């Protein structure tokens, strides 16, 4: 069951309230936090508390359907802005820590590794397409192959793997 929570409801309990620990940890219910004034800090608090998604309360129908489908599939959904912020944070953390494992990309082709590194460093599909002189459709195909081969579901997991923060 997917439950949509409007964060603009007055007097909603703070994420630290004990009621959330019980509700957000159940396997039968996934909570989508929806905000009419979304911001990354609020999103991180909601996701840290255990919400399965954070989105704009007034997102278009296609986006809301995508959120629902991702959550029902057992994954976490966040918007592209927060995803980029988290990928850049992972990249900065990796730069200041130990070098990444060299074997993260075992089983990938040279081109798949190249596309994976660019994506893990925050490049968009369009940027990767331009840098590698390939179509965006080919970028998507390479990323799909990378996700399948490394058993990953999104760019954030890819960034963590590439940067050795997994």
N, C-alpha and C. Protein backbone atom coordinates (compact mmCIF):
# COMPACT_ATOMS: atom_id res chain seq x y z
N UNK A 1 0.84 -1.18 0.00
CA UNK A 1 0.00 0.00 0.00
C UNK A 1 0.89 1.24 0.00
N UNK A 2 0.57 2.19 -0.85
CA UNK A 2 1.29 3.45 -0.90
C UNK A 2 0.41 4.52 -0.27
N UNK A 3 0.95 5.20 0.73
CA UNK A 3 0.23 6.26 1.44
C UNK A 3 0.90 7.58 1.09
N UNK A 4 0.09 8.54 0.67
CA UNK A 4 0.59 9.86 0.31
C UNK A 4 0.36 10.79 1.49
N UNK A 5 1.40 11.42 1.97
CA UNK A 5 1.33 12.30 3.13
C UNK A 5 1.60 13.74 2.69
N UNK A 6 0.61 14.60 2.88
CA UNK A 6 0.75 16.01 2.53
C UNK A 6 1.44 16.71 3.70
N UNK A 7 2.67 17.15 3.50
CA UNK A 7 3.44 17.76 4.57
C UNK A 7 2.95 19.15 4.96
N UNK A 8 1.99 19.68 4.21
CA UNK A 8 1.45 21.00 4.57
C UNK A 8 0.31 20.89 5.59
N UNK A 9 -0.07 19.65 5.94
CA UNK A 9 -1.12 19.46 6.95
C UNK A 9 -0.63 20.07 8.26
N UNK A 10 -1.46 20.90 8.89
CA UNK A 10 -1.02 21.53 10.15
C UNK A 10 -0.83 20.50 11.26
N UNK A 11 0.10 20.78 12.14
CA UNK A 11 0.36 19.97 13.34
C UNK A 11 0.79 18.54 13.03
N UNK A 12 1.43 18.32 11.91
CA UNK A 12 1.94 17.00 11.60
C UNK A 12 3.12 16.72 12.54
N UNK A 13 3.21 15.51 13.04
CA UNK A 13 4.27 15.17 13.99
C UNK A 13 5.64 15.24 13.32
N UNK A 14 6.63 15.66 14.09
CA UNK A 14 8.01 15.69 13.59
C UNK A 14 8.47 14.27 13.26
N UNK A 15 9.41 14.16 12.33
CA UNK A 15 9.89 12.84 11.92
C UNK A 15 10.51 12.07 13.07
N UNK A 16 10.93 12.77 14.12
CA UNK A 16 11.53 12.10 15.28
C UNK A 16 10.49 11.54 16.24
N UNK A 17 9.22 11.84 16.01
CA UNK A 17 8.15 11.34 16.89
C UNK A 17 8.08 9.81 16.77
N UNK A 18 7.87 9.11 17.90
CA UNK A 18 7.85 7.63 17.88
C UNK A 18 6.82 7.02 16.93
N UNK A 19 5.75 7.72 16.62
CA UNK A 19 4.73 7.14 15.73
C UNK A 19 5.30 6.84 14.35
N UNK A 20 6.23 7.68 13.89
CA UNK A 20 6.81 7.49 12.56
C UNK A 20 7.69 6.24 12.51
N UNK A 21 8.43 5.99 13.58
CA UNK A 21 9.31 4.81 13.59
C UNK A 21 8.51 3.54 13.32
N UNK A 22 7.34 3.44 13.93
CA UNK A 22 6.50 2.25 13.74
C UNK A 22 5.87 2.22 12.34
N UNK A 23 5.29 3.33 11.93
CA UNK A 23 4.59 3.38 10.64
C UNK A 23 5.52 3.23 9.44
N UNK A 24 6.68 3.87 9.51
CA UNK A 24 7.57 3.89 8.35
C UNK A 24 8.41 2.63 8.19
N UNK A 25 8.39 1.78 9.18
CA UNK A 25 9.18 0.54 9.10
C UNK A 25 8.35 -0.67 8.68
N UNK A 26 7.05 -0.50 8.47
CA UNK A 26 6.23 -1.63 8.09
C UNK A 26 6.44 -1.96 6.62
N UNK A 27 6.45 -3.24 6.30
CA UNK A 27 6.64 -3.69 4.92
C UNK A 27 5.38 -3.48 4.08
N UNK A 28 4.22 -3.47 4.75
CA UNK A 28 2.95 -3.38 4.03
C UNK A 28 2.63 -1.97 3.55
N UNK A 29 3.27 -0.97 4.14
CA UNK A 29 2.92 0.40 3.81
C UNK A 29 4.17 1.19 3.46
N UNK A 30 4.11 1.91 2.35
CA UNK A 30 5.19 2.79 1.92
C UNK A 30 4.64 4.21 1.90
N UNK A 31 5.35 5.13 2.54
CA UNK A 31 4.88 6.51 2.66
C UNK A 31 5.61 7.40 1.66
N UNK A 32 4.82 8.17 0.92
CA UNK A 32 5.34 9.18 0.01
C UNK A 32 5.09 10.53 0.67
N UNK A 33 6.15 11.25 0.96
CA UNK A 33 6.02 12.59 1.54
C UNK A 33 5.90 13.58 0.38
N UNK A 34 4.81 14.34 0.37
CA UNK A 34 4.57 15.31 -0.70
C UNK A 34 4.54 16.71 -0.10
N UNK A 35 5.29 17.62 -0.69
CA UNK A 35 5.41 18.97 -0.16
C UNK A 35 5.00 19.99 -1.22
N UNK A 36 4.23 20.99 -0.79
CA UNK A 36 3.85 22.05 -1.73
C UNK A 36 4.98 23.06 -1.90
N UNK A 37 5.98 22.98 -1.04
CA UNK A 37 7.15 23.84 -1.13
C UNK A 37 8.40 22.99 -0.87
N UNK A 38 8.73 22.09 -1.81
CA UNK A 38 9.80 21.14 -1.55
C UNK A 38 11.18 21.77 -1.42
N UNK A 39 11.98 21.18 -0.55
CA UNK A 39 13.37 21.59 -0.44
C UNK A 39 14.20 20.37 -0.04
N UNK A 40 15.46 20.40 -0.38
CA UNK A 40 16.33 19.23 -0.18
C UNK A 40 16.45 18.82 1.28
N UNK A 41 16.52 19.79 2.19
CA UNK A 41 16.68 19.44 3.60
C UNK A 41 15.45 18.70 4.13
N UNK A 42 14.27 19.17 3.75
CA UNK A 42 13.04 18.49 4.14
C UNK A 42 13.00 17.08 3.54
N UNK A 43 13.45 16.96 2.31
CA UNK A 43 13.48 15.66 1.64
C UNK A 43 14.39 14.69 2.38
N UNK A 44 15.56 15.16 2.74
CA UNK A 44 16.52 14.30 3.45
C UNK A 44 15.95 13.86 4.79
N UNK A 45 15.27 14.76 5.50
CA UNK A 45 14.65 14.39 6.78
C UNK A 45 13.59 13.32 6.58
N UNK A 46 12.76 13.48 5.57
CA UNK A 46 11.69 12.51 5.30
C UNK A 46 12.28 11.16 4.92
N UNK A 47 13.29 11.16 4.06
CA UNK A 47 13.90 9.91 3.63
C UNK A 47 14.67 9.25 4.77
N UNK A 48 15.35 10.04 5.58
CA UNK A 48 16.04 9.50 6.76
C UNK A 48 15.06 8.83 7.72
N UNK A 49 13.86 9.40 7.81
CA UNK A 49 12.85 8.84 8.71
C UNK A 49 12.30 7.52 8.19
N UNK A 50 12.44 7.28 6.88
CA UNK A 50 11.98 6.03 6.31
C UNK A 50 10.95 6.16 5.21
N UNK A 51 10.66 7.38 4.77
CA UNK A 51 9.72 7.54 3.65
C UNK A 51 10.32 6.91 2.40
N UNK A 52 9.45 6.40 1.55
CA UNK A 52 9.89 5.75 0.32
C UNK A 52 10.06 6.74 -0.83
N UNK A 53 9.54 7.94 -0.66
CA UNK A 53 9.66 8.95 -1.71
C UNK A 53 9.41 10.33 -1.13
N UNK A 54 9.89 11.33 -1.87
CA UNK A 54 9.65 12.73 -1.53
C UNK A 54 9.44 13.44 -2.85
N UNK A 55 8.32 14.13 -2.98
CA UNK A 55 8.03 14.80 -4.24
C UNK A 55 7.23 16.07 -4.02
N UNK A 56 7.08 16.82 -5.08
CA UNK A 56 6.26 18.04 -5.06
C UNK A 56 4.79 17.61 -5.03
N UNK A 57 4.04 18.19 -4.13
CA UNK A 57 2.62 17.83 -3.98
C UNK A 57 1.82 18.15 -5.24
N UNK A 58 2.29 19.11 -6.03
CA UNK A 58 1.55 19.51 -7.22
C UNK A 58 2.28 19.09 -8.51
N UNK A 59 3.02 17.99 -8.42
CA UNK A 59 3.70 17.47 -9.61
C UNK A 59 2.66 17.02 -10.63
N UNK A 60 3.08 16.95 -11.89
CA UNK A 60 2.16 16.52 -12.94
C UNK A 60 1.79 15.04 -12.74
N UNK A 61 0.72 14.65 -13.37
CA UNK A 61 0.19 13.29 -13.20
C UNK A 61 1.20 12.22 -13.60
N UNK A 62 1.96 12.46 -14.65
CA UNK A 62 2.95 11.46 -15.09
C UNK A 62 4.02 11.25 -14.03
N UNK A 63 4.47 12.33 -13.40
CA UNK A 63 5.48 12.21 -12.35
C UNK A 63 4.93 11.47 -11.15
N UNK A 64 3.70 11.82 -10.74
CA UNK A 64 3.09 11.14 -9.59
C UNK A 64 2.89 9.65 -9.87
N UNK A 65 2.54 9.31 -11.08
CA UNK A 65 2.41 7.90 -11.45
C UNK A 65 3.76 7.20 -11.38
N UNK A 66 4.80 7.88 -11.86
CA UNK A 66 6.15 7.31 -11.79
C UNK A 66 6.57 7.09 -10.34
N UNK A 67 6.30 8.05 -9.47
CA UNK A 67 6.61 7.92 -8.04
C UNK A 67 5.93 6.67 -7.49
N UNK A 68 4.64 6.54 -7.77
CA UNK A 68 3.87 5.39 -7.28
C UNK A 68 4.47 4.08 -7.77
N UNK A 69 4.80 4.00 -9.06
CA UNK A 69 5.33 2.76 -9.63
C UNK A 69 6.69 2.40 -9.03
N UNK A 70 7.55 3.39 -8.85
CA UNK A 70 8.87 3.15 -8.27
C UNK A 70 8.73 2.64 -6.84
N UNK A 71 7.86 3.28 -6.07
CA UNK A 71 7.66 2.89 -4.67
C UNK A 71 7.04 1.49 -4.59
N UNK A 72 6.06 1.21 -5.43
CA UNK A 72 5.44 -0.11 -5.42
C UNK A 72 6.43 -1.20 -5.82
N UNK A 73 7.43 -0.85 -6.61
CA UNK A 73 8.45 -1.82 -7.01
C UNK A 73 9.48 -2.04 -5.90
N UNK A 74 9.34 -1.28 -4.80
CA UNK A 74 10.24 -1.47 -3.67
C UNK A 74 11.46 -0.57 -3.67
N UNK A 75 11.44 0.46 -4.50
CA UNK A 75 12.57 1.38 -4.58
C UNK A 75 12.23 2.71 -3.94
N UNK A 76 13.23 3.57 -3.83
CA UNK A 76 13.07 4.91 -3.29
C UNK A 76 13.05 5.89 -4.46
N UNK A 77 12.15 6.87 -4.41
CA UNK A 77 12.07 7.87 -5.48
C UNK A 77 12.43 9.23 -4.89
N UNK A 78 13.33 9.93 -5.58
CA UNK A 78 13.62 11.32 -5.25
C UNK A 78 13.71 12.09 -6.55
N UNK A 79 13.55 13.37 -6.46
CA UNK A 79 13.60 14.22 -7.65
C UNK A 79 15.00 14.38 -8.19
N UNK A 80 15.11 14.84 -9.41
CA UNK A 80 16.42 14.96 -10.06
C UNK A 80 17.36 15.94 -9.38
N UNK A 81 16.83 17.01 -8.79
CA UNK A 81 17.68 17.99 -8.12
C UNK A 81 18.37 17.38 -6.91
N UNK A 82 17.59 16.69 -6.09
CA UNK A 82 18.18 16.04 -4.92
C UNK A 82 19.12 14.92 -5.34
N UNK A 83 18.78 14.18 -6.38
CA UNK A 83 19.65 13.12 -6.87
C UNK A 83 21.00 13.71 -7.27
N UNK A 84 21.00 14.82 -8.01
CA UNK A 84 22.25 15.47 -8.40
C UNK A 84 23.04 15.91 -7.18
N UNK A 85 22.36 16.47 -6.19
CA UNK A 85 23.03 16.93 -4.97
C UNK A 85 23.70 15.75 -4.26
N UNK A 86 23.01 14.63 -4.17
CA UNK A 86 23.56 13.46 -3.49
C UNK A 86 24.73 12.87 -4.27
N UNK A 87 24.62 12.86 -5.59
CA UNK A 87 25.72 12.35 -6.41
C UNK A 87 26.95 13.24 -6.24
N UNK A 88 26.76 14.55 -6.26
CA UNK A 88 27.89 15.47 -6.08
C UNK A 88 28.48 15.32 -4.68
N UNK A 89 27.64 15.10 -3.68
CA UNK A 89 28.14 14.88 -2.32
C UNK A 89 28.97 13.61 -2.25
N UNK A 90 28.50 12.56 -2.91
CA UNK A 90 29.26 11.30 -2.95
C UNK A 90 30.60 11.52 -3.64
N UNK A 91 30.58 12.30 -4.71
CA UNK A 91 31.81 12.57 -5.45
C UNK A 91 32.80 13.35 -4.57
N UNK A 92 32.31 14.37 -3.85
CA UNK A 92 33.18 15.14 -2.96
C UNK A 92 33.71 14.28 -1.82
N UNK A 93 32.84 13.44 -1.27
CA UNK A 93 33.28 12.56 -0.18
C UNK A 93 34.35 11.60 -0.67
N UNK A 94 34.20 11.10 -1.87
CA UNK A 94 35.18 10.17 -2.42
C UNK A 94 36.51 10.87 -2.65
N UNK A 95 36.46 12.12 -3.09
CA UNK A 95 37.68 12.86 -3.37
C UNK A 95 38.50 13.09 -2.10
N UNK A 96 37.82 13.15 -0.96
CA UNK A 96 38.52 13.41 0.29
C UNK A 96 38.80 12.15 1.09
N UNK A 97 38.45 10.99 0.54
CA UNK A 97 38.66 9.75 1.28
C UNK A 97 39.62 8.83 0.53
N UNK A 98 39.58 7.57 0.86
CA UNK A 98 40.47 6.60 0.24
C UNK A 98 40.13 6.43 -1.23
N UNK A 99 41.10 6.02 -2.03
CA UNK A 99 40.82 5.83 -3.46
C UNK A 99 39.77 4.73 -3.67
N UNK A 100 38.95 4.86 -4.72
CA UNK A 100 37.94 3.83 -4.98
C UNK A 100 38.58 2.50 -5.34
N UNK A 101 37.82 1.44 -5.11
CA UNK A 101 38.30 0.12 -5.48
C UNK A 101 38.41 0.05 -6.99
N UNK A 102 39.47 -0.53 -7.46
CA UNK A 102 39.69 -0.61 -8.90
C UNK A 102 38.80 -1.65 -9.56
N UNK A 103 38.26 -2.57 -8.79
CA UNK A 103 37.47 -3.65 -9.38
C UNK A 103 35.97 -3.36 -9.42
N UNK A 104 35.54 -2.15 -9.14
CA UNK A 104 34.11 -1.83 -9.11
C UNK A 104 33.44 -2.13 -10.45
N UNK A 105 34.18 -2.02 -11.53
CA UNK A 105 33.60 -2.17 -12.86
C UNK A 105 33.95 -3.47 -13.55
N UNK A 106 34.35 -4.47 -12.78
CA UNK A 106 34.64 -5.77 -13.40
C UNK A 106 33.41 -6.26 -14.16
N UNK A 107 33.63 -6.74 -15.36
CA UNK A 107 32.53 -7.26 -16.17
C UNK A 107 31.92 -6.22 -17.09
N UNK A 108 32.34 -4.98 -16.97
CA UNK A 108 31.83 -3.91 -17.84
C UNK A 108 32.77 -3.72 -19.03
N UNK A 109 32.21 -3.28 -20.14
CA UNK A 109 33.05 -2.92 -21.27
C UNK A 109 33.74 -1.59 -20.97
N UNK A 110 34.74 -1.26 -21.75
CA UNK A 110 35.45 0.01 -21.56
C UNK A 110 34.47 1.19 -21.69
N UNK A 111 33.58 1.14 -22.67
CA UNK A 111 32.63 2.23 -22.88
C UNK A 111 31.64 2.32 -21.70
N UNK A 112 31.19 1.17 -21.22
CA UNK A 112 30.27 1.17 -20.07
C UNK A 112 30.96 1.78 -18.85
N UNK A 113 32.23 1.46 -18.63
CA UNK A 113 32.97 2.05 -17.50
C UNK A 113 33.07 3.57 -17.68
N UNK A 114 33.36 4.01 -18.90
CA UNK A 114 33.49 5.44 -19.19
C UNK A 114 32.17 6.17 -18.91
N UNK A 115 31.07 5.62 -19.39
CA UNK A 115 29.76 6.22 -19.18
C UNK A 115 29.41 6.19 -17.69
N UNK A 116 29.73 5.09 -17.00
CA UNK A 116 29.43 4.96 -15.57
C UNK A 116 30.17 6.02 -14.76
N UNK A 117 31.45 6.23 -15.07
CA UNK A 117 32.23 7.23 -14.33
C UNK A 117 31.66 8.63 -14.54
N UNK A 118 31.31 8.95 -15.78
CA UNK A 118 30.73 10.27 -16.06
C UNK A 118 29.41 10.45 -15.30
N UNK A 119 28.55 9.44 -15.33
CA UNK A 119 27.27 9.52 -14.62
C UNK A 119 27.49 9.62 -13.11
N UNK A 120 28.46 8.87 -12.61
CA UNK A 120 28.75 8.89 -11.17
C UNK A 120 29.29 10.23 -10.71
N UNK A 121 29.84 10.98 -11.63
CA UNK A 121 30.36 12.31 -11.30
C UNK A 121 29.34 13.41 -11.57
N UNK A 122 28.10 13.01 -11.87
CA UNK A 122 27.01 13.97 -11.99
C UNK A 122 26.67 14.44 -13.39
N UNK A 123 27.30 13.87 -14.40
CA UNK A 123 26.99 14.29 -15.77
C UNK A 123 25.60 13.80 -16.18
N UNK A 124 24.89 14.63 -16.91
CA UNK A 124 23.57 14.24 -17.42
C UNK A 124 23.76 13.34 -18.64
N UNK A 125 22.69 12.69 -19.06
CA UNK A 125 22.76 11.87 -20.28
C UNK A 125 23.20 12.71 -21.47
N UNK A 126 22.71 13.93 -21.53
CA UNK A 126 23.07 14.83 -22.64
C UNK A 126 24.57 15.16 -22.59
N UNK A 127 25.10 15.42 -21.39
CA UNK A 127 26.53 15.71 -21.24
C UNK A 127 27.36 14.50 -21.67
N UNK A 128 26.95 13.31 -21.22
CA UNK A 128 27.67 12.07 -21.56
C UNK A 128 27.63 11.84 -23.07
N UNK A 129 26.47 12.07 -23.66
CA UNK A 129 26.30 11.91 -25.11
C UNK A 129 27.30 12.80 -25.86
N UNK A 130 27.37 14.03 -25.44
CA UNK A 130 28.28 14.99 -26.09
C UNK A 130 29.74 14.60 -25.86
N UNK A 131 30.11 14.28 -24.60
CA UNK A 131 31.51 13.96 -24.28
C UNK A 131 32.00 12.69 -24.96
N UNK A 132 31.11 11.72 -25.14
CA UNK A 132 31.50 10.43 -25.72
C UNK A 132 31.17 10.31 -27.20
N UNK A 133 30.56 11.36 -27.76
CA UNK A 133 30.15 11.35 -29.18
C UNK A 133 29.25 10.17 -29.50
N UNK A 134 28.25 9.95 -28.64
CA UNK A 134 27.25 8.91 -28.85
C UNK A 134 25.87 9.52 -28.60
N UNK A 135 24.83 8.85 -29.05
CA UNK A 135 23.49 9.38 -28.87
C UNK A 135 23.03 9.21 -27.41
N UNK A 136 22.05 10.00 -27.01
CA UNK A 136 21.49 9.85 -25.66
C UNK A 136 20.85 8.47 -25.50
N UNK A 137 20.30 7.94 -26.57
CA UNK A 137 19.71 6.60 -26.52
C UNK A 137 20.79 5.56 -26.21
N UNK A 138 21.97 5.73 -26.78
CA UNK A 138 23.08 4.82 -26.51
C UNK A 138 23.56 4.98 -25.07
N UNK A 139 23.58 6.21 -24.57
CA UNK A 139 23.95 6.45 -23.17
C UNK A 139 22.99 5.68 -22.26
N UNK A 140 21.69 5.79 -22.54
CA UNK A 140 20.69 5.08 -21.73
C UNK A 140 20.91 3.57 -21.79
N UNK A 141 21.25 3.07 -22.97
CA UNK A 141 21.50 1.63 -23.12
C UNK A 141 22.72 1.20 -22.31
N UNK A 142 23.79 2.01 -22.36
CA UNK A 142 24.98 1.69 -21.58
C UNK A 142 24.67 1.73 -20.08
N UNK A 143 23.95 2.74 -19.63
CA UNK A 143 23.62 2.83 -18.21
C UNK A 143 22.73 1.67 -17.78
N UNK A 144 21.79 1.28 -18.61
CA UNK A 144 20.95 0.12 -18.28
C UNK A 144 21.80 -1.14 -18.13
N UNK A 145 22.75 -1.31 -19.03
CA UNK A 145 23.64 -2.48 -18.96
C UNK A 145 24.49 -2.42 -17.69
N UNK A 146 24.99 -1.24 -17.35
CA UNK A 146 25.79 -1.06 -16.13
C UNK A 146 24.95 -1.40 -14.90
N UNK A 147 23.74 -0.86 -14.83
CA UNK A 147 22.87 -1.13 -13.68
C UNK A 147 22.59 -2.63 -13.56
N UNK A 148 22.32 -3.27 -14.69
CA UNK A 148 22.05 -4.72 -14.67
C UNK A 148 23.28 -5.51 -14.22
N UNK A 149 24.42 -5.22 -14.81
CA UNK A 149 25.64 -5.98 -14.51
C UNK A 149 26.11 -5.77 -13.08
N UNK A 150 25.91 -4.55 -12.53
CA UNK A 150 26.37 -4.26 -11.18
C UNK A 150 25.26 -4.43 -10.14
N UNK A 151 24.07 -4.82 -10.61
CA UNK A 151 22.91 -5.01 -9.73
C UNK A 151 22.59 -3.72 -8.96
N UNK A 152 22.48 -2.62 -9.70
CA UNK A 152 22.17 -1.31 -9.13
C UNK A 152 20.83 -0.84 -9.68
N UNK A 153 20.22 0.11 -8.98
CA UNK A 153 18.92 0.60 -9.44
C UNK A 153 18.93 2.07 -9.86
N UNK A 154 19.95 2.83 -9.47
CA UNK A 154 19.91 4.26 -9.82
C UNK A 154 21.32 4.86 -9.82
N UNK A 155 21.39 6.11 -10.22
CA UNK A 155 22.67 6.81 -10.34
C UNK A 155 23.34 7.03 -8.99
N UNK A 156 22.55 7.20 -7.95
CA UNK A 156 23.16 7.39 -6.64
C UNK A 156 23.91 6.13 -6.22
N UNK A 157 23.29 4.98 -6.38
CA UNK A 157 23.99 3.73 -6.07
C UNK A 157 25.23 3.58 -6.95
N UNK A 158 25.13 3.98 -8.20
CA UNK A 158 26.27 3.93 -9.10
C UNK A 158 27.39 4.83 -8.59
N UNK A 159 27.05 6.04 -8.20
CA UNK A 159 28.06 6.98 -7.69
C UNK A 159 28.75 6.41 -6.45
N UNK A 160 27.97 5.82 -5.56
CA UNK A 160 28.55 5.24 -4.36
C UNK A 160 29.49 4.09 -4.71
N UNK A 161 29.11 3.26 -5.68
CA UNK A 161 29.94 2.13 -6.07
C UNK A 161 31.23 2.62 -6.74
N UNK A 162 31.09 3.52 -7.70
CA UNK A 162 32.25 4.02 -8.43
C UNK A 162 33.24 4.70 -7.49
N UNK A 163 32.73 5.44 -6.53
CA UNK A 163 33.59 6.18 -5.61
C UNK A 163 34.01 5.37 -4.39
N UNK A 164 33.60 4.09 -4.35
CA UNK A 164 34.03 3.22 -3.26
C UNK A 164 33.39 3.52 -1.93
N UNK A 165 32.17 4.08 -1.95
CA UNK A 165 31.46 4.42 -0.71
C UNK A 165 30.25 3.53 -0.58
N UNK A 166 30.40 2.25 -0.65
CA UNK A 166 29.23 1.37 -0.60
C UNK A 166 29.26 0.49 0.56
